Protein backbone atom coordinates (compact mmCIF):
# COMPACT_ATOMS: atom_id res chain seq x y z
CA MET A 1 8.99 -70.19 48.23
CA ALA A 2 5.99 -68.37 49.64
CA LEU A 3 7.83 -67.71 52.84
CA PHE A 4 10.78 -66.23 50.97
CA LYS A 5 8.50 -63.82 49.15
CA LYS A 6 6.84 -62.83 52.40
CA LEU A 7 10.13 -62.21 54.16
CA PHE A 8 11.80 -60.16 51.48
CA GLY A 9 8.67 -58.66 49.95
CA GLY A 10 10.55 -57.24 46.99
CA LYS A 11 11.72 -54.24 49.00
CA SER A 12 14.45 -52.05 47.63
CA GLY A 13 17.69 -51.64 49.51
CA GLY A 14 16.52 -53.22 52.77
CA GLY A 15 18.78 -55.34 54.94
CA SER A 16 22.09 -53.72 53.92
CA GLY A 17 22.97 -52.37 57.38
CA GLU A 18 24.36 -49.23 55.53
CA ASP A 19 21.28 -46.91 56.46
CA PRO A 20 19.61 -47.09 59.88
CA PRO A 21 15.91 -47.94 59.91
CA GLU A 22 13.38 -45.12 59.64
CA THR A 23 11.50 -45.94 62.84
CA PRO A 24 11.88 -43.25 65.53
CA ALA A 25 12.76 -43.49 69.23
CA ASP A 26 14.08 -46.95 70.10
CA PRO A 27 13.74 -49.26 67.09
CA VAL A 28 15.68 -52.06 68.77
CA GLU A 29 13.34 -52.39 71.73
CA ALA A 30 10.29 -52.16 69.48
CA ALA A 31 11.64 -54.86 67.16
CA LYS A 32 12.68 -57.06 70.07
CA ALA A 33 9.26 -56.81 71.70
CA ALA A 34 7.52 -57.66 68.43
CA TYR A 35 9.76 -60.67 67.88
CA GLU A 36 9.39 -62.03 71.40
CA ALA A 37 5.60 -61.62 71.32
CA LEU A 38 5.30 -63.50 68.03
CA LYS A 39 7.68 -66.21 69.16
CA LEU A 40 5.55 -66.81 72.25
CA GLU A 41 2.30 -66.71 70.29
CA LYS A 42 3.22 -68.60 67.10
CA GLY A 43 6.47 -70.39 67.78
CA ALA A 44 10.06 -69.86 66.67
CA THR A 45 9.65 -71.18 63.11
CA ASP A 46 6.44 -69.40 62.11
CA PRO A 47 6.92 -67.07 59.09
CA ASP A 48 5.73 -64.03 61.03
CA THR A 49 8.19 -64.81 63.83
CA LEU A 50 11.05 -65.22 61.38
CA GLN A 51 10.17 -61.95 59.68
CA ALA A 52 10.22 -60.26 63.09
CA LEU A 53 13.58 -61.83 63.93
CA PHE A 54 15.02 -60.47 60.70
CA ALA A 55 13.62 -57.02 61.53
CA PHE A 56 15.22 -57.28 64.97
CA GLY A 57 18.59 -58.09 63.38
CA GLN A 58 18.20 -55.16 61.00
CA ALA A 59 17.44 -52.83 63.89
CA LEU A 60 20.52 -54.02 65.78
CA ASN A 61 22.73 -53.48 62.74
CA GLY A 62 21.11 -50.10 62.08
CA THR A 63 22.00 -48.90 65.58
CA ARG A 64 25.51 -50.40 65.38
CA ARG A 65 24.97 -53.15 67.93
CA PHE A 66 26.82 -55.49 65.65
CA GLU A 67 27.70 -58.33 68.02
CA GLU A 68 24.06 -58.69 69.03
CA ALA A 69 23.02 -58.50 65.39
CA GLU A 70 25.41 -61.31 64.54
CA GLY A 71 23.75 -63.44 67.22
CA ALA A 72 20.29 -62.72 65.83
CA GLY A 73 21.51 -63.55 62.34
CA GLN A 74 23.04 -66.84 63.46
CA GLU A 75 19.78 -67.78 65.16
CA LEU A 76 17.85 -67.00 61.99
CA LEU A 77 20.35 -68.88 59.82
CA ALA A 78 20.15 -71.99 61.98
CA ILE A 79 16.34 -72.06 61.77
CA PHE A 80 16.30 -71.66 58.00
CA GLU A 81 18.97 -74.29 57.42
CA THR A 82 17.09 -76.73 59.64
CA GLU A 83 13.65 -76.01 58.21
CA TYR A 84 14.52 -75.57 54.51
CA GLY A 85 18.03 -76.89 53.92
CA LYS A 86 21.32 -75.11 53.38
CA ASP A 87 20.71 -74.39 49.69
CA HIS A 88 17.29 -72.79 50.02
CA PRO A 89 17.19 -69.05 49.16
CA ASN A 90 15.58 -68.28 52.53
CA VAL A 91 18.99 -69.01 54.05
CA GLY A 92 20.19 -65.76 52.47
CA TYR A 93 18.04 -63.91 54.97
CA GLY A 94 20.25 -64.88 57.91
CA LEU A 95 23.43 -64.62 55.86
CA ASP A 96 22.61 -61.00 55.07
CA ILE A 97 22.27 -60.01 58.72
CA ILE A 98 25.46 -61.83 59.67
CA ALA A 99 27.53 -60.34 56.83
CA THR A 100 26.54 -56.79 57.74
CA ALA A 101 27.18 -57.44 61.43
CA LEU A 102 30.63 -58.91 60.74
CA SER A 103 31.52 -55.98 58.49
CA GLY A 104 30.51 -53.64 61.30
CA GLN A 105 32.92 -55.47 63.58
CA GLU A 106 35.65 -55.10 60.93
CA LYS A 107 35.73 -58.85 60.33
CA ARG A 108 35.93 -58.18 56.62
CA ASN A 109 36.99 -61.56 55.26
CA GLU A 110 34.30 -63.37 57.21
CA ALA A 111 31.71 -60.85 56.05
CA LEU A 112 32.74 -61.36 52.43
CA SER A 113 32.36 -65.12 52.75
CA TYR A 114 28.81 -64.85 54.11
CA ARG A 115 27.88 -62.24 51.50
CA LYS A 116 29.15 -64.36 48.62
CA ARG A 117 27.23 -67.37 49.81
CA GLY A 118 24.03 -65.35 50.07
CA LEU A 119 24.49 -63.86 46.61
CA ASP A 120 25.15 -67.28 45.08
CA LEU A 121 21.97 -68.71 46.61
CA LEU A 122 19.82 -65.86 45.35
CA GLN A 123 21.32 -65.80 41.87
CA ALA A 124 20.93 -69.56 41.47
CA HIS A 125 17.27 -69.33 42.44
CA PHE A 126 16.13 -66.01 40.93
CA GLY A 127 18.72 -65.10 38.31
CA ALA A 128 21.24 -62.28 38.02
CA GLU A 129 18.76 -59.50 37.22
CA HIS A 130 16.35 -60.06 40.10
CA GLU A 131 16.07 -57.20 42.56
CA MET A 132 17.12 -59.26 45.57
CA THR A 133 20.17 -60.60 43.73
CA LEU A 134 21.15 -57.07 42.76
CA GLN A 135 20.82 -55.84 46.34
CA ARG A 136 23.27 -58.43 47.59
CA ALA A 137 25.66 -57.91 44.68
CA ARG A 138 25.92 -54.24 45.57
CA LEU A 139 26.76 -55.10 49.16
CA LEU A 140 29.38 -57.54 47.93
CA ALA A 141 31.03 -54.66 46.06
CA VAL A 142 31.13 -52.70 49.32
CA ASP A 143 32.73 -55.65 51.12
CA HIS A 144 35.42 -55.87 48.43
CA VAL A 145 36.25 -52.17 48.80
CA GLU A 146 36.55 -52.50 52.56
CA LEU A 147 39.13 -55.22 51.97
CA GLY A 148 41.02 -52.99 49.56
CA GLN A 149 39.90 -55.04 46.56
CA VAL A 150 38.82 -52.08 44.44
CA ASP A 151 39.18 -53.83 41.09
CA LYS A 152 36.93 -56.67 42.24
CA ALA A 153 34.39 -54.17 43.54
CA GLN A 154 34.37 -52.36 40.21
CA GLY A 155 33.92 -55.68 38.42
CA VAL A 156 30.85 -56.47 40.50
CA LEU A 157 29.34 -53.05 39.79
CA ASP A 158 30.02 -53.32 36.07
CA ALA A 159 28.31 -56.71 35.99
CA TYR A 160 25.17 -55.81 37.93
CA MET A 161 24.62 -52.05 37.72
CA PRO A 162 22.93 -51.98 34.27
CA ALA A 163 20.14 -54.25 35.53
CA ALA A 164 19.64 -52.06 38.62
CA LYS A 165 18.28 -49.25 36.44
CA ALA A 166 14.98 -51.13 36.32
CA TYR A 167 14.50 -50.39 40.04
CA PRO A 168 14.93 -46.64 40.81
CA PRO A 169 15.55 -47.04 44.57
CA LEU A 170 18.13 -49.71 43.85
CA GLN A 171 19.64 -47.59 41.11
CA ALA A 172 20.20 -44.90 43.75
CA ASP A 173 21.95 -47.43 45.97
CA PHE A 174 24.20 -48.48 43.11
CA MET A 175 25.05 -44.83 42.38
CA ASP A 176 26.05 -44.42 46.02
CA THR A 177 28.22 -47.54 45.91
CA LYS A 178 29.81 -46.38 42.66
CA ALA A 179 30.80 -43.15 44.41
CA PHE A 180 32.27 -45.19 47.26
CA VAL A 181 34.30 -47.35 44.87
CA THR A 182 35.40 -44.33 42.83
CA GLN A 183 36.57 -42.56 45.95
CA ALA A 184 38.65 -45.58 46.94
CA ALA A 185 40.18 -45.80 43.48
CA ASP A 186 40.60 -42.16 42.45
CA GLY A 187 39.97 -39.92 45.46
CA PRO A 188 37.17 -37.63 46.64
CA GLU A 189 37.26 -35.22 43.70
CA ALA A 190 36.35 -38.02 41.31
CA ALA A 191 33.54 -39.28 43.54
CA ILE A 192 31.89 -35.89 44.19
CA PRO A 193 30.07 -35.61 40.80
CA ILE A 194 28.57 -39.07 41.29
CA LEU A 195 27.19 -38.20 44.71
CA GLU A 196 25.94 -34.85 43.43
CA ASP A 197 24.03 -36.76 40.76
CA LEU A 198 22.65 -39.04 43.46
CA ILE A 199 21.42 -36.08 45.53
CA ALA A 200 19.73 -34.69 42.43
CA PHE A 201 18.20 -38.12 41.81
CA PHE A 202 16.71 -38.10 45.33
CA ARG A 203 15.25 -34.63 44.83
CA GLU A 204 13.75 -35.59 41.46
CA HIS A 205 12.06 -38.61 43.03
CA ASP A 206 10.67 -36.69 46.03
CA GLN A 207 13.04 -38.40 48.47
CA ALA A 208 14.66 -35.28 49.92
CA GLU A 209 13.02 -35.65 53.33
CA THR A 210 14.08 -39.18 54.16
CA PRO A 211 16.76 -40.65 56.43
CA LYS A 212 18.59 -42.06 53.43
CA PHE A 213 18.77 -38.60 51.82
CA ALA A 214 20.27 -37.19 55.02
CA SER A 215 22.82 -39.99 55.08
CA LYS A 216 23.91 -39.50 51.48
CA LEU A 217 24.03 -35.72 51.80
CA PHE A 218 26.25 -36.20 54.85
CA ASN A 219 28.51 -38.45 52.78
CA LEU A 220 28.73 -35.71 50.17
CA SER A 221 29.62 -33.12 52.80
CA GLN A 222 32.47 -35.33 53.96
CA LEU A 223 33.77 -35.62 50.41
CA TYR A 224 33.60 -31.85 50.03
CA LEU A 225 35.71 -31.48 53.15
CA GLN A 226 38.27 -34.00 51.93
CA ALA A 227 38.50 -32.04 48.67
CA GLY A 228 39.08 -28.78 50.57
CA ARG A 229 35.62 -27.37 49.79
CA LYS A 230 34.78 -26.41 53.36
CA GLU A 231 31.95 -23.98 52.59
CA ASP A 232 30.21 -26.60 50.46
CA ALA A 233 30.76 -29.14 53.24
CA LEU A 234 29.12 -26.84 55.77
CA ASN A 235 26.14 -26.12 53.55
CA ALA A 236 25.56 -29.78 52.74
CA SER A 237 25.92 -30.89 56.35
CA SER A 238 23.53 -28.14 57.50
CA GLU A 239 20.79 -29.46 55.21
CA ALA A 240 21.62 -33.03 56.17
CA GLY A 241 21.31 -32.08 59.83
CA MET A 242 17.86 -30.56 59.37
CA VAL A 243 16.60 -33.66 57.55
CA ALA A 244 18.21 -35.96 60.10
CA LEU A 245 16.55 -34.10 62.97
CA GLN A 246 13.13 -34.55 61.37
CA THR A 247 13.57 -38.19 60.34
CA TYR A 248 16.02 -39.93 62.66
CA GLY A 249 15.34 -37.79 65.71
CA PRO A 250 17.99 -35.90 67.72
CA ASP A 251 19.31 -38.89 69.67
CA HIS A 252 19.89 -41.34 66.83
CA PRO A 253 23.61 -42.20 66.27
CA ALA A 254 23.40 -41.18 62.61
CA ALA A 255 21.98 -37.78 63.52
CA GLN A 256 24.61 -37.30 66.21
CA ASP A 257 27.38 -37.94 63.66
CA ILE A 258 25.98 -35.26 61.37
CA PHE A 259 25.52 -32.75 64.18
CA GLY A 260 29.09 -33.32 65.39
CA PHE A 261 30.53 -32.85 61.92
CA GLN A 262 28.49 -29.70 61.36
CA THR A 263 29.54 -28.23 64.71
CA GLU A 264 33.22 -28.72 63.93
CA LEU A 265 32.81 -26.95 60.60
CA ARG A 266 30.90 -24.04 62.14
CA GLU A 267 33.56 -23.61 64.81
CA ALA A 268 36.29 -23.68 62.15
CA LYS A 269 34.47 -20.97 60.21
CA GLU A 270 34.09 -18.85 63.34
CA ARG A 271 37.86 -19.14 63.84
CA GLY A 272 38.31 -17.73 60.35
CA GLU A 273 39.71 -20.94 58.86
CA PHE A 274 37.53 -20.52 55.79
């Protein structure tokens, strides 16, 4: 139990694979070096080593190296199952990395299976309103949407979202997922007000200079474009680009996506398309 608390630490939103880590430069090499050093010093099953292995898997998922992340997750899962048993909540740690990695490889059904197992373990141990349970429930809703199971995704959100209001960072994540589900069900116009509320939520909570803010503002700019609101899309992506430059750095894949999107919009405006 103590190990589980140390590994998860009650953090909000971590481990989802949706937002890249906030560390600059090369987070993968830094995480790998930390893991290998601890493994050599303390052994493969030491809590600090396992925490570092999880961080390494997160970094791999965050930089879209999904096959490698799956391998790290499988290694972590095997250690936890051997050391604690298959029904221990620590097992959810490896399951989380694997599910995100499989989703990134578009292995949606496999990802859903791992995610469900992780959620069931956490809920059985901590209850349905615990922060860690809620984090995984939200990711399960995302997995359902990616399989085209919008009704199931909405059912998950309806069941867990009220409890998420007790954790403001997690509430923001649920708002983002609700926009994602709404877009899948009803189109971009219906999802835009939800993401606009989320951006306002970030500003109100002094989170407007973070990587996650840049990511969500970029999502909003894409919705604006899909709805034909090109000027709004350009303005939103311009702000997202400035925040991404300061937080991710210019070479991060997430920043590059924003810059590319913004460039295409600027060129379209210069051509007189809007």
